[in-house]
Amino acid sequence: MTAVAARFAGGSLTVETDDYAGARMVVFEQPGANRTPLWPDEARRLAVALIEQAAQAEQPEAGDWP
């Protein structure tokens, strides 16, 4: 299991693999929410989307450059 501290989530987000409904799945969980099983391809797409959005959040818009 991997835990990632998330300031505004109320605790750590966890990701692990587990058997879910007879299949090996990636399971995502955040505090106060149900476990969310993801197929491996869904987990990869979520990871890519998070990386893309993090990169956009770190980069200023071209109009904001001096």
Protein backbone atom coordinates (compact mmCIF):
# COMPACT_ATOMS: atom_id res chain seq x y z
CA MET A 1 0.00 0.00 0.00
CA THR A 2 1.13 3.53 -0.76
CA ALA A 3 -0.10 6.49 1.28
CA VAL A 4 0.14 10.07 0.07
CA ALA A 5 -0.40 12.93 2.51
CA ALA A 6 -3.02 15.30 1.09
CA ARG A 7 -3.50 18.49 3.05
CA PHE A 8 -7.08 19.26 2.00
CA ALA A 9 -8.33 15.66 1.89
CA GLY A 10 -8.46 15.33 5.67
CA GLY A 11 -5.70 12.75 5.79
CA SER A 12 -3.78 10.43 3.53
CA LEU A 13 -4.90 9.06 0.19
CA THR A 14 -4.09 5.38 -0.17
CA VAL A 15 -3.51 3.23 -3.24
CA GLU A 16 -3.06 -0.52 -3.22
CA THR A 17 -3.76 -3.59 -5.30
CA ASP A 18 -6.36 -6.05 -4.12
CA ASP A 19 -8.70 -8.73 -5.38
CA TYR A 20 -12.05 -7.07 -5.97
CA ALA A 21 -15.04 -8.96 -7.36
CA GLY A 22 -12.73 -11.76 -8.48
CA ALA A 23 -10.27 -9.55 -10.37
CA ARG A 24 -6.97 -7.91 -9.46
CA MET A 25 -7.68 -4.18 -9.20
CA VAL A 26 -6.00 -0.97 -8.09
CA VAL A 27 -7.92 0.37 -5.10
CA PHE A 28 -7.94 4.09 -4.33
CA GLU A 29 -9.24 5.41 -1.02
CA GLN A 30 -9.57 8.87 0.48
CA PRO A 31 -10.63 9.76 4.03
CA GLY A 32 -14.37 9.59 4.56
CA ALA A 33 -15.04 7.98 1.18
CA ASN A 34 -15.62 4.46 -0.04
CA ARG A 35 -12.86 2.41 -1.58
CA THR A 36 -12.77 2.97 -5.34
CA PRO A 37 -11.63 -0.05 -7.38
CA LEU A 38 -10.03 0.81 -10.72
CA TRP A 39 -9.02 -1.44 -13.58
CA PRO A 40 -5.28 -1.09 -14.26
CA ASP A 41 -5.90 0.98 -17.42
CA GLU A 42 -8.20 3.32 -15.47
CA ALA A 43 -5.55 3.74 -12.78
CA ARG A 44 -2.96 4.61 -15.43
CA ARG A 45 -5.29 7.19 -17.03
CA LEU A 46 -5.95 8.74 -13.61
CA ALA A 47 -2.20 8.88 -12.91
CA VAL A 48 -1.55 10.59 -16.25
CA ALA A 49 -4.36 13.08 -15.65
CA LEU A 50 -2.98 13.92 -12.20
CA ILE A 51 0.52 14.44 -13.62
CA GLU A 52 -0.81 16.66 -16.42
CA GLN A 53 -2.88 18.79 -14.05
CA ALA A 54 0.02 19.11 -11.59
CA ALA A 55 2.26 20.34 -14.42
CA GLN A 56 -0.37 22.90 -15.47
CA ALA A 57 -0.75 24.08 -11.87
CA GLU A 58 3.02 24.62 -11.61
CA GLN A 59 3.35 26.51 -14.89
CA PRO A 60 2.15 30.13 -15.12
CA GLU A 61 -0.09 31.03 -18.04
CA ALA A 62 1.72 32.74 -20.91
CA GLY A 63 -0.30 35.92 -20.26
CA ASP A 64 1.04 36.08 -16.68
CA TRP A 65 4.71 36.17 -17.74
CA PRO A 66 6.54 39.48 -17.31
